[in-house]
Structures are given as structure tokens and as C-alpha cells.
Amino acid sequence: MEHFAAIPIFVAVVEAGSFSAAAERLGLTKSAVSKRIQLLEAGLNVRLLQRTTRSLSLTEAGERYYDRARGALALANEAEEVAAGLQGRPQGLLRVAAPMVFGRLHLSPLVAEFLRRYPDIQLDMAMDDRMVDLVEGGYDLAVRIGNLPDNRMVARRLAPCRVVVCASPDYLAAHGTPQHPSELAGHNCIHYSYYRGGASWVFSGPDGEIRVQPRGNYQVNNSEARRDALLAGLGICEMPTFIVGPDLAAGRLAAVLSDYPLPAHAIHAVYPQRRLPAKARAFIDFLDEKLGGDAPQWDHGLSPSVLSPKSWKRE
């Protein structure tokens, strides 16, 4: 029985990959974590971890113990959540990962209302456009946009992510409006350097897929910076409407190539297990309520060609 308290520490060490990372995650000192693992191994009379100055790995006994310890910890956490749910109070630390710009524009304004509704939750939100490993990072859930390559994750769709090619009216007046994706070769294309779909812009046309390699004098890893460049008339760019929707509706930017739509994407909440903690379920339900489903607020006022682009089908 005295070994039960060491289970979450042992699991944290394995998942974090080091004593120091596990100590930081648990709010303990590295020496306290190391001591607890030593006592666990001594009590079990078996070595669970192979340690070197540079790496940490499981022994065969450690692998078997970890498989069962992880399951036991999940059941214990589930029991706590059930007890909390019976009291009707989602509670505890909720760690959420979100894209930088979407998080700042559409999640950050909702935080105060969420925490007023659920005062027993402590929200820790990390905004970063780079993909993070939820399990390794200790996150309860993430908001992700676009393709979901990790089939270990469970996903819940929150809203569409419409993407359009656009530019300022001044830029189009000076450089012309492209009528076919191939004409983008003659334009200054602003590119997003973190785009996971690859370097090409992929359009759909009557003869199938059209790939364009964007070329221009500006590449940046932040989409608000791309919007600034568009509004300044620097060039042309593919952008999600959750950033430029209000600019399109107000005429500050104009959509082009509407007859050649880009791939449809969606905004999802993803999480690493099918049984959600009450605190995470509360947050996802709240986002589902506030983001507006298939009619998000940022798409209000957009033209039908943007909201329902042409769908080409080969005969």
C-alpha cells in the first residue's frame, strides 16, 4: 500500500523522460522525485529504470509495471472526476494548448467568462503555433486547426476554418486581379513558414488539383504579421477567415480566385483519451457554445462565394 503514492511520480518520470522534467511537472524537487523512485524500487526489490547521465529507459520489469501503473492512475483520476462530477463542480488545473493567433483573437476574450462560470478550475493556456505533444507536455486538450495526423487523439469539431486568397484593393488595382491560380506566379505571395500542409498552395479546379509554389519577398511565422502586410498592400496571401473575415466584410481586403477553392479545414478540440475529465469537458462544451458551430462570428457578412465555394467534380 505504501507504494501507491509513488505511482503518479513514476508515471510522470516515464512520460516526461527525465527526473527534472517530472519534478517540474509535479511541483517537486528533482531530489524528492529521485528519492521516491529509489524507495519504490527498493520496496519492490526490482529495478524499474535504467539511468545514465544522458538518458532514462525502462527495464523489462519497468515496462510491465508502467503499463499497469498508468492504468491504475487513469482509474484513480477517473474516480476523482466522478466524485467531482457528483458535486457538479468541474475543478482542478486545466492545461490547454492553442495556436497563437486563434488563441489570442478567439480564446483569450472568452477566458474571463469561462472562469467566472467555473471558479474551481485553474486554467493554464499555452499559445504556440508549433505542434506540441499533448501527453509529453502534460496537456489535457488542445485546439488545433487543419489536418489531424495523430490518430491517437480524439477530436471534436468546433467550427469550420475557411481559407481564402486575398489582397488589399490597392494592391489589386496596382498589380491586377489573378483569374487563375497559375497567374500567382506574377504576384508577390506572402507565405506562412509554419504551414504544415507544405510549401504549395493547393487549389481545386475543373480539371483537378492545381498546385502553386508561392514566391515573394516576405515569409513569416505569424499570421497577424501576414495580415499587416496584406493591409499595407505588400502582396497576396491565403488566409483563414478567423483572421481576415472582418477585413473582407468591411472591404479592407478582397477575396480572389473564388472559383478555385483551397482545401476545407476545421477547428477541433483534441484530447488524448476517450473519457474526458469534467474540467476538460466543461471547456470544450463552453467553446462549442461560444464559437458558433458552422456559423462562427468571424464569418458574418462574408460573400456566398467565400462561405460556400464552388465544388468541382470531374465528369
C-alpha atoms as a PDB file:
ATOM      1  CA  MET A   1       0.000   0.000   0.000  1.00  0.00           C
ATOM      2  CA  GLU A   2       2.826   2.410   0.755  1.00  0.00           C
ATOM      3  CA  HIS A   3       3.865   2.238  -2.890  1.00  0.00           C
ATOM      4  CA  PHE A   4       0.594   3.712  -4.204  1.00  0.00           C
ATOM      5  CA  ALA A   5       1.743   7.284  -3.599  1.00  0.00           C
ATOM      6  CA  ALA A   6       4.729   6.677  -5.880  1.00  0.00           C
ATOM      7  CA  ILE A   7       2.612   5.627  -8.876  1.00  0.00           C
ATOM      8  CA  PRO A   8       1.889   9.166 -10.212  1.00  0.00           C
ATOM      9  CA  ILE A   9       5.557  10.082  -9.721  1.00  0.00           C
ATOM     10  CA  PHE A  10       6.792   7.008 -11.562  1.00  0.00           C
ATOM     11  CA  VAL A  11       4.328   7.579 -14.435  1.00  0.00           C
ATOM     12  CA  ALA A  12       5.347  11.247 -14.645  1.00  0.00           C
ATOM     13  CA  VAL A  13       9.038  10.305 -14.855  1.00  0.00           C
ATOM     14  CA  VAL A  14       8.402   7.864 -17.696  1.00  0.00           C
ATOM     15  CA  GLU A  15       6.165  10.252 -19.657  1.00  0.00           C
ATOM     16  CA  ALA A  16       8.386  13.299 -19.104  1.00  0.00           C
ATOM     17  CA  GLY A  17      11.546  11.370 -19.927  1.00  0.00           C
ATOM     18  CA  SER A  18      13.634  12.681 -17.035  1.00  0.00           C
ATOM     19  CA  PHE A  19      13.586  13.295 -13.300  1.00  0.00           C
ATOM     20  CA  SER A  20      13.972  17.041 -13.706  1.00  0.00           C
ATOM     21  CA  ALA A  21      11.085  17.356 -16.199  1.00  0.00           C
ATOM     22  CA  ALA A  22       8.854  15.204 -13.991  1.00  0.00           C
ATOM     23  CA  ALA A  23       9.796  17.276 -10.935  1.00  0.00           C
ATOM     24  CA  GLU A  24       8.822  20.480 -12.748  1.00  0.00           C
ATOM     25  CA  ARG A  25       5.501  18.983 -13.853  1.00  0.00           C
ATOM     26  CA  LEU A  26       4.708  17.742 -10.334  1.00  0.00           C
ATOM     27  CA  GLY A  27       5.943  20.806  -8.464  1.00  0.00           C
ATOM     28  CA  LEU A  28       8.565  18.798  -6.575  1.00  0.00           C
ATOM     29  CA  THR A  29      12.338  18.932  -6.323  1.00  0.00           C
ATOM     30  CA  LYS A  30      14.388  16.636  -8.509  1.00  0.00           C
ATOM     31  CA  SER A  31      15.893  15.021  -5.432  1.00  0.00           C
ATOM     32  CA  ALA A  32      12.425  14.288  -3.993  1.00  0.00           C
ATOM     33  CA  VAL A  33      11.390  12.577  -7.225  1.00  0.00           C
ATOM     34  CA  SER A  34      14.623  10.563  -7.370  1.00  0.00           C
ATOM     35  CA  LYS A  35      14.251   9.520  -3.734  1.00  0.00           C
ATOM     36  CA  ARG A  36      10.662   8.378  -4.252  1.00  0.00           C
ATOM     37  CA  ILE A  37      11.668   6.215  -7.239  1.00  0.00           C
ATOM     38  CA  GLN A  38      14.548   4.707  -5.260  1.00  0.00           C
ATOM     39  CA  LEU A  39      12.169   3.810  -2.419  1.00  0.00           C
ATOM     40  CA  LEU A  40       9.704   2.317  -4.891  1.00  0.00           C
ATOM     41  CA  GLU A  41      12.383   0.140  -6.469  1.00  0.00           C
ATOM     42  CA  ALA A  42      13.679  -0.891  -3.060  1.00  0.00           C
ATOM     43  CA  GLY A  43      10.203  -1.785  -1.867  1.00  0.00           C
ATOM     44  CA  LEU A  44       9.505  -3.839  -4.990  1.00  0.00           C
ATOM     45  CA  ASN A  45      13.026  -5.278  -4.922  1.00  0.00           C
ATOM     46  CA  VAL A  46      13.409  -4.707  -8.657  1.00  0.00           C
ATOM     47  CA  ARG A  47      14.995  -2.081 -10.890  1.00  0.00           C
ATOM     48  CA  LEU A  48      12.399  -0.225 -12.945  1.00  0.00           C
ATOM     49  CA  LEU A  49      14.573   2.377 -14.696  1.00  0.00           C
ATOM     50  CA  GLN A  50      17.977   2.284 -16.351  1.00  0.00           C
ATOM     51  CA  ARG A  51      19.728   5.590 -15.722  1.00  0.00           C
ATOM     52  CA  THR A  52      22.697   7.148 -17.473  1.00  0.00           C
ATOM     53  CA  THR A  53      23.960  10.719 -17.433  1.00  0.00           C
ATOM     54  CA  ARG A  54      22.142  11.380 -20.725  1.00  0.00           C
ATOM     55  CA  SER A  55      19.160   9.039 -20.905  1.00  0.00           C
ATOM     56  CA  LEU A  56      16.474   7.222 -18.986  1.00  0.00           C
ATOM     57  CA  SER A  57      14.859   3.961 -20.110  1.00  0.00           C
ATOM     58  CA  LEU A  58      12.572   1.292 -18.702  1.00  0.00           C
ATOM     59  CA  THR A  59      13.769  -2.169 -17.785  1.00  0.00           C
ATOM     60  CA  GLU A  60      11.585  -5.117 -18.743  1.00  0.00           C
ATOM     61  CA  ALA A  61      10.098  -5.079 -15.249  1.00  0.00           C
ATOM     62  CA  GLY A  62       9.684  -1.327 -15.536  1.00  0.00           C
ATOM     63  CA  GLU A  63       7.735  -1.652 -18.787  1.00  0.00           C
ATOM     64  CA  ARG A  64       5.328  -4.121 -17.205  1.00  0.00           C
ATOM     65  CA  TYR A  65       4.957  -2.010 -14.074  1.00  0.00           C
ATOM     66  CA  TYR A  66       4.407   1.144 -16.131  1.00  0.00           C
ATOM     67  CA  ASP A  67       1.627  -0.435 -18.195  1.00  0.00           C
ATOM     68  CA  ARG A  68      -0.294  -1.323 -15.056  1.00  0.00           C
ATOM     69  CA  ALA A  69       0.647   1.792 -13.108  1.00  0.00           C
ATOM     70  CA  ARG A  70      -0.596   4.023 -15.925  1.00  0.00           C
ATOM     71  CA  GLY A  71      -3.917   2.163 -15.963  1.00  0.00           C
ATOM     72  CA  ALA A  72      -4.228   2.397 -12.188  1.00  0.00           C
ATOM     73  CA  LEU A  73      -3.523   6.134 -12.286  1.00  0.00           C
ATOM     74  CA  ALA A  74      -6.130   6.641 -15.011  1.00  0.00           C
ATOM     75  CA  LEU A  75      -8.718   4.809 -12.911  1.00  0.00           C
ATOM     76  CA  ALA A  76      -7.829   6.881  -9.861  1.00  0.00           C
ATOM     77  CA  ASN A  77      -8.150  10.118 -11.842  1.00  0.00           C
ATOM     78  CA  GLU A  78     -11.457   8.924 -13.243  1.00  0.00           C
ATOM     79  CA  ALA A  79     -12.711   8.204  -9.736  1.00  0.00           C
ATOM     80  CA  GLU A  80     -11.784  11.735  -8.668  1.00  0.00           C
ATOM     81  CA  GLU A  81     -13.561  13.201 -11.656  1.00  0.00           C
ATOM     82  CA  VAL A  82     -16.678  11.133 -10.954  1.00  0.00           C
ATOM     83  CA  ALA A  83     -16.675  12.350  -7.359  1.00  0.00           C
ATOM     84  CA  ALA A  84     -16.236  15.940  -8.501  1.00  0.00           C
ATOM     85  CA  GLY A  85     -18.954  15.459 -11.102  1.00  0.00           C
ATOM     86  CA  LEU A  86     -21.400  14.270  -8.453  1.00  0.00           C
ATOM     87  CA  GLN A  87     -20.814  17.581  -6.714  1.00  0.00           C
ATOM     88  CA  GLY A  88     -21.432  19.381 -10.037  1.00  0.00           C
ATOM     89  CA  ARG A  89     -18.130  21.245  -9.837  1.00  0.00           C
ATOM     90  CA  PRO A  90     -15.555  20.799 -12.606  1.00  0.00           C
ATOM     91  CA  GLN A  91     -12.325  21.658 -10.840  1.00  0.00           C
ATOM     92  CA  GLY A  92      -8.566  21.463 -10.830  1.00  0.00           C
ATOM     93  CA  LEU A  93      -5.745  22.534 -13.117  1.00  0.00           C
ATOM     94  CA  LEU A  94      -6.726  22.548 -16.806  1.00  0.00           C
ATOM     95  CA  ARG A  95      -3.813  22.732 -19.252  1.00  0.00           C
ATOM     96  CA  VAL A  96      -4.736  23.762 -22.800  1.00  0.00           C
ATOM     97  CA  ALA A  97      -2.552  24.196 -25.894  1.00  0.00           C
ATOM     98  CA  ALA A  98      -3.775  26.527 -28.645  1.00  0.00           C
ATOM     99  CA  PRO A  99      -2.489  28.192 -31.825  1.00  0.00           C
ATOM    100  CA  MET A 100      -1.059  31.641 -31.127  1.00  0.00           C
ATOM    101  CA  VAL A 101      -3.267  33.879 -33.272  1.00  0.00           C
ATOM    102  CA  PHE A 102      -6.500  31.915 -32.921  1.00  0.00           C
ATOM    103  CA  GLY A 103      -5.920  31.741 -29.186  1.00  0.00           C
ATOM    104  CA  ARG A 104      -5.305  35.455 -28.869  1.00  0.00           C
ATOM    105  CA  LEU A 105      -8.208  36.505 -31.112  1.00  0.00           C
ATOM    106  CA  HIS A 106     -10.899  33.996 -30.191  1.00  0.00           C
ATOM    107  CA  LEU A 107      -9.989  32.146 -26.982  1.00  0.00           C
ATOM    108  CA  SER A 108      -8.416  34.833 -24.825  1.00  0.00           C
ATOM    109  CA  PRO A 109     -11.567  37.043 -24.882  1.00  0.00           C
ATOM    110  CA  LEU A 110     -13.584  34.086 -23.532  1.00  0.00           C
ATOM    111  CA  VAL A 111     -11.340  33.195 -20.591  1.00  0.00           C
ATOM    112  CA  ALA A 112     -12.867  35.562 -18.022  1.00  0.00           C
ATOM    113  CA  GLU A 113     -16.400  34.318 -18.683  1.00  0.00           C
ATOM    114  CA  PHE A 114     -15.288  30.683 -18.544  1.00  0.00           C
ATOM    115  CA  LEU A 115     -13.519  31.113 -15.214  1.00  0.00           C
ATOM    116  CA  ARG A 116     -16.445  33.030 -13.747  1.00  0.00           C
ATOM    117  CA  ARG A 117     -18.677  30.131 -14.753  1.00  0.00           C
ATOM    118  CA  TYR A 118     -16.244  27.543 -13.357  1.00  0.00           C
ATOM    119  CA  PRO A 119     -14.412  29.234 -10.452  1.00  0.00           C
ATOM    120  CA  ASP A 120     -12.865  25.956  -9.217  1.00  0.00           C
ATOM    121  CA  ILE A 121     -10.853  25.488 -12.423  1.00  0.00           C
ATOM    122  CA  GLN A 122      -7.342  26.896 -12.773  1.00  0.00           C
ATOM    123  CA  LEU A 123      -6.654  27.441 -16.492  1.00  0.00           C
ATOM    124  CA  ASP A 124      -3.107  27.204 -17.851  1.00  0.00           C
ATOM    125  CA  MET A 125      -3.186  28.037 -21.570  1.00  0.00           C
ATOM    126  CA  ALA A 126      -0.079  27.782 -23.745  1.00  0.00           C
ATOM    127  CA  MET A 127      -0.302  29.554 -27.119  1.00  0.00           C
ATOM    128  CA  ASP A 128       2.159  28.379 -29.757  1.00  0.00           C
ATOM    129  CA  ASP A 129       1.844  27.773 -33.494  1.00  0.00           C
ATOM    130  CA  ARG A 130       4.143  24.770 -33.320  1.00  0.00           C
ATOM    131  CA  MET A 131       2.581  21.317 -32.832  1.00  0.00           C
ATOM    132  CA  VAL A 132       3.036  20.044 -29.267  1.00  0.00           C
ATOM    133  CA  ASP A 133       2.767  16.506 -27.917  1.00  0.00           C
ATOM    134  CA  LEU A 134      -0.169  16.563 -25.502  1.00  0.00           C
ATOM    135  CA  VAL A 135       0.923  13.556 -23.479  1.00  0.00           C
ATOM    136  CA  GLU A 136       4.565  14.577 -23.249  1.00  0.00           C
ATOM    137  CA  GLY A 137       3.620  18.160 -22.443  1.00  0.00           C
ATOM    138  CA  GLY A 138       1.053  17.183 -19.830  1.00  0.00           C
ATOM    139  CA  TYR A 139      -1.860  18.931 -21.599  1.00  0.00           C
ATOM    140  CA  ASP A 140      -5.485  17.976 -21.058  1.00  0.00           C
ATOM    141  CA  LEU A 141      -6.517  19.116 -24.529  1.00  0.00           C
ATOM    142  CA  ALA A 142      -5.544  21.275 -27.478  1.00  0.00           C
ATOM    143  CA  VAL A 143      -7.319  23.428 -30.012  1.00  0.00           C
ATOM    144  CA  ARG A 144      -5.985  22.511 -33.449  1.00  0.00           C
ATOM    145  CA  ILE A 145      -6.672  23.744 -36.957  1.00  0.00           C
ATOM    146  CA  GLY A 146      -6.389  21.791 -40.190  1.00  0.00           C
ATOM    147  CA  ASN A 147      -5.340  18.183 -40.643  1.00  0.00           C
ATOM    148  CA  LEU A 148      -5.218  15.911 -37.607  1.00  0.00           C
ATOM    149  CA  PRO A 149      -2.408  13.446 -38.340  1.00  0.00           C
ATOM    150  CA  ASP A 150      -2.210  11.940 -34.836  1.00  0.00           C
ATOM    151  CA  ASN A 151      -4.765   9.122 -34.709  1.00  0.00           C
ATOM    152  CA  ARG A 152      -4.058   8.620 -31.007  1.00  0.00           C
ATOM    153  CA  MET A 153      -6.070  11.763 -30.349  1.00  0.00           C
ATOM    154  CA  VAL A 154      -9.839  12.038 -30.077  1.00  0.00           C
ATOM    155  CA  ALA A 155     -11.232  15.084 -31.888  1.00  0.00           C
ATOM    156  CA  ARG A 156     -14.391  17.148 -31.568  1.00  0.00           C
ATOM    157  CA  ARG A 157     -15.201  19.621 -34.331  1.00  0.00           C
ATOM    158  CA  LEU A 158     -15.873  23.151 -33.090  1.00  0.00           C
ATOM    159  CA  ALA A 159     -16.123  25.327 -36.216  1.00  0.00           C
ATOM    160  CA  PRO A 160     -15.131  25.489 -39.883  1.00  0.00           C
ATOM    161  CA  CYS A 161     -11.854  27.059 -40.921  1.00  0.00           C
ATOM    162  CA  ARG A 162     -12.429  28.725 -44.274  1.00  0.00           C
ATOM    163  CA  VAL A 163      -9.328  29.801 -46.167  1.00  0.00           C
ATOM    164  CA  VAL A 164      -9.289  32.369 -48.971  1.00  0.00           C
ATOM    165  CA  VAL A 165      -6.708  34.015 -51.181  1.00  0.00           C
ATOM    166  CA  CYS A 166      -6.942  37.759 -50.662  1.00  0.00           C
ATOM    167  CA  ALA A 167      -5.201  41.099 -51.089  1.00  0.00           C
ATOM    168  CA  SER A 168      -5.927  44.757 -50.495  1.00  0.00           C
ATOM    169  CA  PRO A 169      -7.904  46.711 -53.120  1.00  0.00           C
ATOM    170  CA  ASP A 170      -4.871  48.978 -53.590  1.00  0.00           C
ATOM    171  CA  TYR A 171      -2.598  46.015 -54.338  1.00  0.00           C
ATOM    172  CA  LEU A 172      -5.060  44.568 -56.853  1.00  0.00           C
ATOM    173  CA  ALA A 173      -5.517  47.957 -58.512  1.00  0.00           C
ATOM    174  CA  ALA A 174      -1.751  48.271 -58.946  1.00  0.00           C
ATOM    175  CA  HIS A 175      -0.937  44.668 -59.929  1.00  0.00           C
ATOM    176  CA  GLY A 176      -4.139  43.229 -61.348  1.00  0.00           C
ATOM    177  CA  THR A 177      -6.527  40.565 -60.097  1.00  0.00           C
ATOM    178  CA  PRO A 178      -5.492  36.970 -60.870  1.00  0.00           C
ATOM    179  CA  GLN A 179      -8.156  34.963 -62.681  1.00  0.00           C
ATOM    180  CA  HIS A 180      -6.395  31.578 -62.483  1.00  0.00           C
ATOM    181  CA  PRO A 181      -4.022  30.139 -59.831  1.00  0.00           C
ATOM    182  CA  SER A 182      -1.218  29.989 -62.423  1.00  0.00           C
ATOM    183  CA  GLU A 183      -1.260  33.791 -62.573  1.00  0.00           C
ATOM    184  CA  LEU A 184       0.008  33.927 -58.972  1.00  0.00           C
ATOM    185  CA  ALA A 185       3.491  33.437 -60.446  1.00  0.00           C
ATOM    186  CA  GLY A 186       3.350  37.119 -61.355  1.00  0.00           C
ATOM    187  CA  HIS A 187       2.386  38.271 -57.855  1.00  0.00           C
ATOM    188  CA  ASN A 188       4.197  38.886 -54.586  1.00  0.00           C
ATOM    189  CA  CYS A 189       2.923  35.982 -52.478  1.00  0.00           C
ATOM    190  CA  ILE A 190       3.259  36.250 -48.693  1.00  0.00           C
ATOM    191  CA  HIS A 191       3.958  32.832 -47.184  1.00  0.00           C
ATOM    192  CA  TYR A 192       3.365  31.356 -43.716  1.00  0.00           C
ATOM    193  CA  SER A 193       6.501  29.487 -42.697  1.00  0.00           C
ATOM    194  CA  TYR A 194       4.816  27.153 -40.171  1.00  0.00           C
ATOM    195  CA  TYR A 195       2.211  25.852 -42.639  1.00  0.00           C
ATOM    196  CA  ARG A 196       2.062  22.083 -42.041  1.00  0.00           C
ATOM    197  CA  GLY A 197       0.355  21.344 -45.359  1.00  0.00           C
ATOM    198  CA  GLY A 198       3.607  22.005 -47.216  1.00  0.00           C
ATOM    199  CA  ALA A 199       5.032  24.906 -49.176  1.00  0.00           C
ATOM    200  CA  SER A 200       2.486  24.759 -52.025  1.00  0.00           C
ATOM    201  CA  TRP A 201      -0.944  26.346 -52.195  1.00  0.00           C
ATOM    202  CA  VAL A 202      -3.352  23.661 -53.418  1.00  0.00           C
ATOM    203  CA  PHE A 203      -6.448  24.727 -55.347  1.00  0.00           C
ATOM    204  CA  SER A 204      -9.372  22.749 -56.712  1.00  0.00           C
ATOM    205  CA  GLY A 205     -10.333  23.340 -60.346  1.00  0.00           C
ATOM    206  CA  PRO A 206     -12.438  21.798 -63.119  1.00  0.00           C
ATOM    207  CA  ASP A 207      -9.500  19.651 -64.220  1.00  0.00           C
ATOM    208  CA  GLY A 208      -8.481  18.581 -60.728  1.00  0.00           C
ATOM    209  CA  GLU A 209      -5.862  19.746 -58.261  1.00  0.00           C
ATOM    210  CA  ILE A 210      -3.733  22.814 -59.041  1.00  0.00           C
ATOM    211  CA  ARG A 211      -0.538  23.313 -57.042  1.00  0.00           C
ATOM    212  CA  VAL A 212       1.152  26.693 -56.872  1.00  0.00           C
ATOM    213  CA  GLN A 213       4.525  27.371 -55.288  1.00  0.00           C
ATOM    214  CA  PRO A 214       4.139  30.825 -53.677  1.00  0.00           C
ATOM    215  CA  ARG A 215       7.042  33.162 -54.287  1.00  0.00           C
ATOM    216  CA  GLY A 216       7.585  36.583 -52.838  1.00  0.00           C
ATOM    217  CA  ASN A 217       9.844  38.748 -50.729  1.00  0.00           C
ATOM    218  CA  TYR A 218       8.214  38.089 -47.340  1.00  0.00           C
ATOM    219  CA  GLN A 219       7.837  34.898 -45.283  1.00  0.00           C
ATOM    220  CA  VAL A 220       6.801  34.987 -41.627  1.00  0.00           C
ATOM    221  CA  ASN A 221       5.705  32.554 -38.912  1.00  0.00           C
ATOM    222  CA  ASN A 222       2.870  34.711 -37.549  1.00  0.00           C
ATOM    223  CA  SER A 223      -0.454  35.206 -39.323  1.00  0.00           C
ATOM    224  CA  GLU A 224      -1.216  38.573 -37.747  1.00  0.00           C
ATOM    225  CA  ALA A 225       2.019  39.794 -39.332  1.00  0.00           C
ATOM    226  CA  ARG A 226       0.784  38.443 -42.670  1.00  0.00           C
ATOM    227  CA  ARG A 227      -2.469  40.361 -42.198  1.00  0.00           C
ATOM    228  CA  ASP A 228      -0.498  43.550 -41.529  1.00  0.00           C
ATOM    229  CA  ALA A 229       1.395  43.028 -44.783  1.00  0.00           C
ATOM    230  CA  LEU A 230      -1.836  42.434 -46.702  1.00  0.00           C
ATOM    231  CA  LEU A 231      -3.469  45.591 -45.334  1.00  0.00           C
ATOM    232  CA  ALA A 232      -0.332  47.559 -46.240  1.00  0.00           C
ATOM    233  CA  GLY A 233      -0.657  46.397 -49.858  1.00  0.00           C
ATOM    234  CA  LEU A 234       2.539  44.326 -49.875  1.00  0.00           C
ATOM    235  CA  GLY A 235       1.174  41.306 -51.672  1.00  0.00           C
ATOM    236  CA  ILE A 236      -1.342  38.493 -51.908  1.00  0.00           C
ATOM    237  CA  CYS A 237      -1.856  35.633 -49.477  1.00  0.00           C
ATOM    238  CA  GLU A 238      -4.022  32.686 -48.476  1.00  0.00           C
ATOM    239  CA  MET A 239      -5.540  33.415 -45.070  1.00  0.00           C
ATOM    240  CA  PRO A 240      -8.097  31.885 -42.694  1.00  0.00           C
ATOM    241  CA  THR A 241     -11.269  33.897 -42.283  1.00  0.00           C
ATOM    242  CA  PHE A 242     -10.969  33.724 -38.495  1.00  0.00           C
ATOM    243  CA  ILE A 243      -8.229  36.337 -39.001  1.00  0.00           C
ATOM    244  CA  VAL A 244      -9.359  38.299 -42.074  1.00  0.00           C
ATOM    245  CA  GLY A 245     -13.131  37.751 -42.026  1.00  0.00           C
ATOM    246  CA  PRO A 246     -13.888  41.222 -40.629  1.00  0.00           C
ATOM    247  CA  ASP A 247     -11.479  42.792 -43.149  1.00  0.00           C
ATOM    248  CA  LEU A 248     -13.201  41.016 -46.039  1.00  0.00           C
ATOM    249  CA  ALA A 249     -16.650  42.041 -44.792  1.00  0.00           C
ATOM    250  CA  ALA A 250     -15.538  45.670 -44.411  1.00  0.00           C
ATOM    251  CA  GLY A 251     -13.809  45.818 -47.818  1.00  0.00           C
ATOM    252  CA  ARG A 252     -10.309  46.359 -46.424  1.00  0.00           C
ATOM    253  CA  LEU A 253      -9.325  43.123 -48.183  1.00  0.00           C
ATOM    254  CA  ALA A 254     -10.814  41.425 -51.227  1.00  0.00           C
ATOM    255  CA  ALA A 255     -11.057  37.680 -51.900  1.00  0.00           C
ATOM    256  CA  VAL A 256      -9.792  36.449 -55.266  1.00  0.00           C
ATOM    257  CA  LEU A 257      -9.806  33.129 -57.133  1.00  0.00           C
ATOM    258  CA  SER A 258     -13.129  32.161 -55.538  1.00  0.00           C
ATOM    259  CA  ASP A 259     -13.764  29.737 -58.418  1.00  0.00           C
ATOM    260  CA  TYR A 260     -10.664  27.782 -57.366  1.00  0.00           C
ATOM    261  CA  PRO A 261     -11.195  26.974 -53.675  1.00  0.00           C
ATOM    262  CA  LEU A 262      -8.496  25.916 -51.269  1.00  0.00           C
ATOM    263  CA  PRO A 263      -8.985  22.757 -49.161  1.00  0.00           C
ATOM    264  CA  ALA A 264     -11.646  22.955 -46.462  1.00  0.00           C
ATOM    265  CA  HIS A 265     -10.400  22.651 -42.889  1.00  0.00           C
ATOM    266  CA  ALA A 266     -11.923  22.737 -39.437  1.00  0.00           C
ATOM    267  CA  ILE A 267     -11.117  23.827 -35.903  1.00  0.00           C
ATOM    268  CA  HIS A 268     -11.099  20.930 -33.443  1.00  0.00           C
ATOM    269  CA  ALA A 269     -10.646  20.284 -29.776  1.00  0.00           C
ATOM    270  CA  VAL A 270      -8.407  17.219 -29.414  1.00  0.00           C
ATOM    271  CA  TYR A 271      -7.588  15.191 -26.349  1.00  0.00           C
ATOM    272  CA  PRO A 272      -5.574  12.039 -25.637  1.00  0.00           C
ATOM    273  CA  GLN A 273      -8.230   9.801 -24.119  1.00  0.00           C
ATOM    274  CA  ARG A 274     -11.852   8.987 -24.748  1.00  0.00           C
ATOM    275  CA  ARG A 275     -13.022   9.557 -21.161  1.00  0.00           C
ATOM    276  CA  LEU A 276     -12.680  13.306 -20.662  1.00  0.00           C
ATOM    277  CA  PRO A 277     -12.096  14.834 -17.227  1.00  0.00           C
ATOM    278  CA  ALA A 278     -15.010  17.038 -16.183  1.00  0.00           C
ATOM    279  CA  LYS A 279     -12.844  20.167 -16.332  1.00  0.00           C
ATOM    280  CA  ALA A 280     -11.837  19.466 -19.962  1.00  0.00           C
ATOM    281  CA  ARG A 281     -15.382  18.569 -20.978  1.00  0.00           C
ATOM    282  CA  ALA A 282     -16.612  21.831 -19.478  1.00  0.00           C
ATOM    283  CA  PHE A 283     -14.076  23.821 -21.517  1.00  0.00           C
ATOM    284  CA  ILE A 284     -14.878  22.052 -24.791  1.00  0.00           C
ATOM    285  CA  ASP A 285     -18.627  22.453 -24.252  1.00  0.00           C
ATOM    286  CA  PHE A 286     -18.059  26.143 -23.499  1.00  0.00           C
ATOM    287  CA  LEU A 287     -16.081  26.639 -26.732  1.00  0.00           C
ATOM    288  CA  ASP A 288     -18.720  24.772 -28.699  1.00  0.00           C
ATOM    289  CA  GLU A 289     -21.320  27.152 -27.286  1.00  0.00           C
ATOM    290  CA  LYS A 290     -19.324  30.331 -27.879  1.00  0.00           C
ATOM    291  CA  LEU A 291     -17.640  29.753 -31.238  1.00  0.00           C
ATOM    292  CA  GLY A 292     -20.892  29.365 -33.104  1.00  0.00           C
ATOM    293  CA  GLY A 293     -20.603  25.997 -34.843  1.00  0.00           C
ATOM    294  CA  ASP A 294     -20.914  26.254 -38.635  1.00  0.00           C
ATOM    295  CA  ALA A 295     -21.705  29.995 -38.440  1.00  0.00           C
ATOM    296  CA  PRO A 296     -18.853  31.484 -36.395  1.00  0.00           C
ATOM    297  CA  GLN A 297     -18.971  35.187 -35.659  1.00  0.00           C
ATOM    298  CA  TRP A 298     -15.832  35.919 -37.702  1.00  0.00           C
ATOM    299  CA  ASP A 299     -17.599  34.740 -40.892  1.00  0.00           C
ATOM    300  CA  HIS A 300     -20.593  37.048 -40.522  1.00  0.00           C
ATOM    301  CA  GLY A 301     -21.026  39.334 -43.517  1.00  0.00           C
ATOM    302  CA  LEU A 302     -18.895  37.290 -45.923  1.00  0.00           C
ATOM    303  CA  SER A 303     -19.985  36.733 -49.505  1.00  0.00           C
ATOM    304  CA  PRO A 304     -21.616  33.436 -50.561  1.00  0.00           C
ATOM    305  CA  SER A 305     -18.587  32.651 -52.728  1.00  0.00           C
ATOM    306  CA  VAL A 306     -16.420  32.599 -49.583  1.00  0.00           C
ATOM    307  CA  LEU A 307     -18.920  30.815 -47.327  1.00  0.00           C
ATOM    308  CA  SER A 308     -19.841  28.184 -49.938  1.00  0.00           C
ATOM    309  CA  PRO A 309     -17.054  27.964 -52.520  1.00  0.00           C
ATOM    310  CA  LYS A 310     -17.593  26.095 -55.767  1.00  0.00           C
ATOM    311  CA  SER A 311     -17.090  22.353 -55.508  1.00  0.00           C
ATOM    312  CA  TRP A 312     -15.553  20.963 -58.680  1.00  0.00           C
ATOM    313  CA  LYS A 313     -16.419  17.417 -59.654  1.00  0.00           C
ATOM    314  CA  ARG A 314     -14.801  15.557 -62.527  1.00  0.00           C
ATOM    315  CA  GLU A 315     -17.258  14.176 -65.067  1.00  0.00           C
END
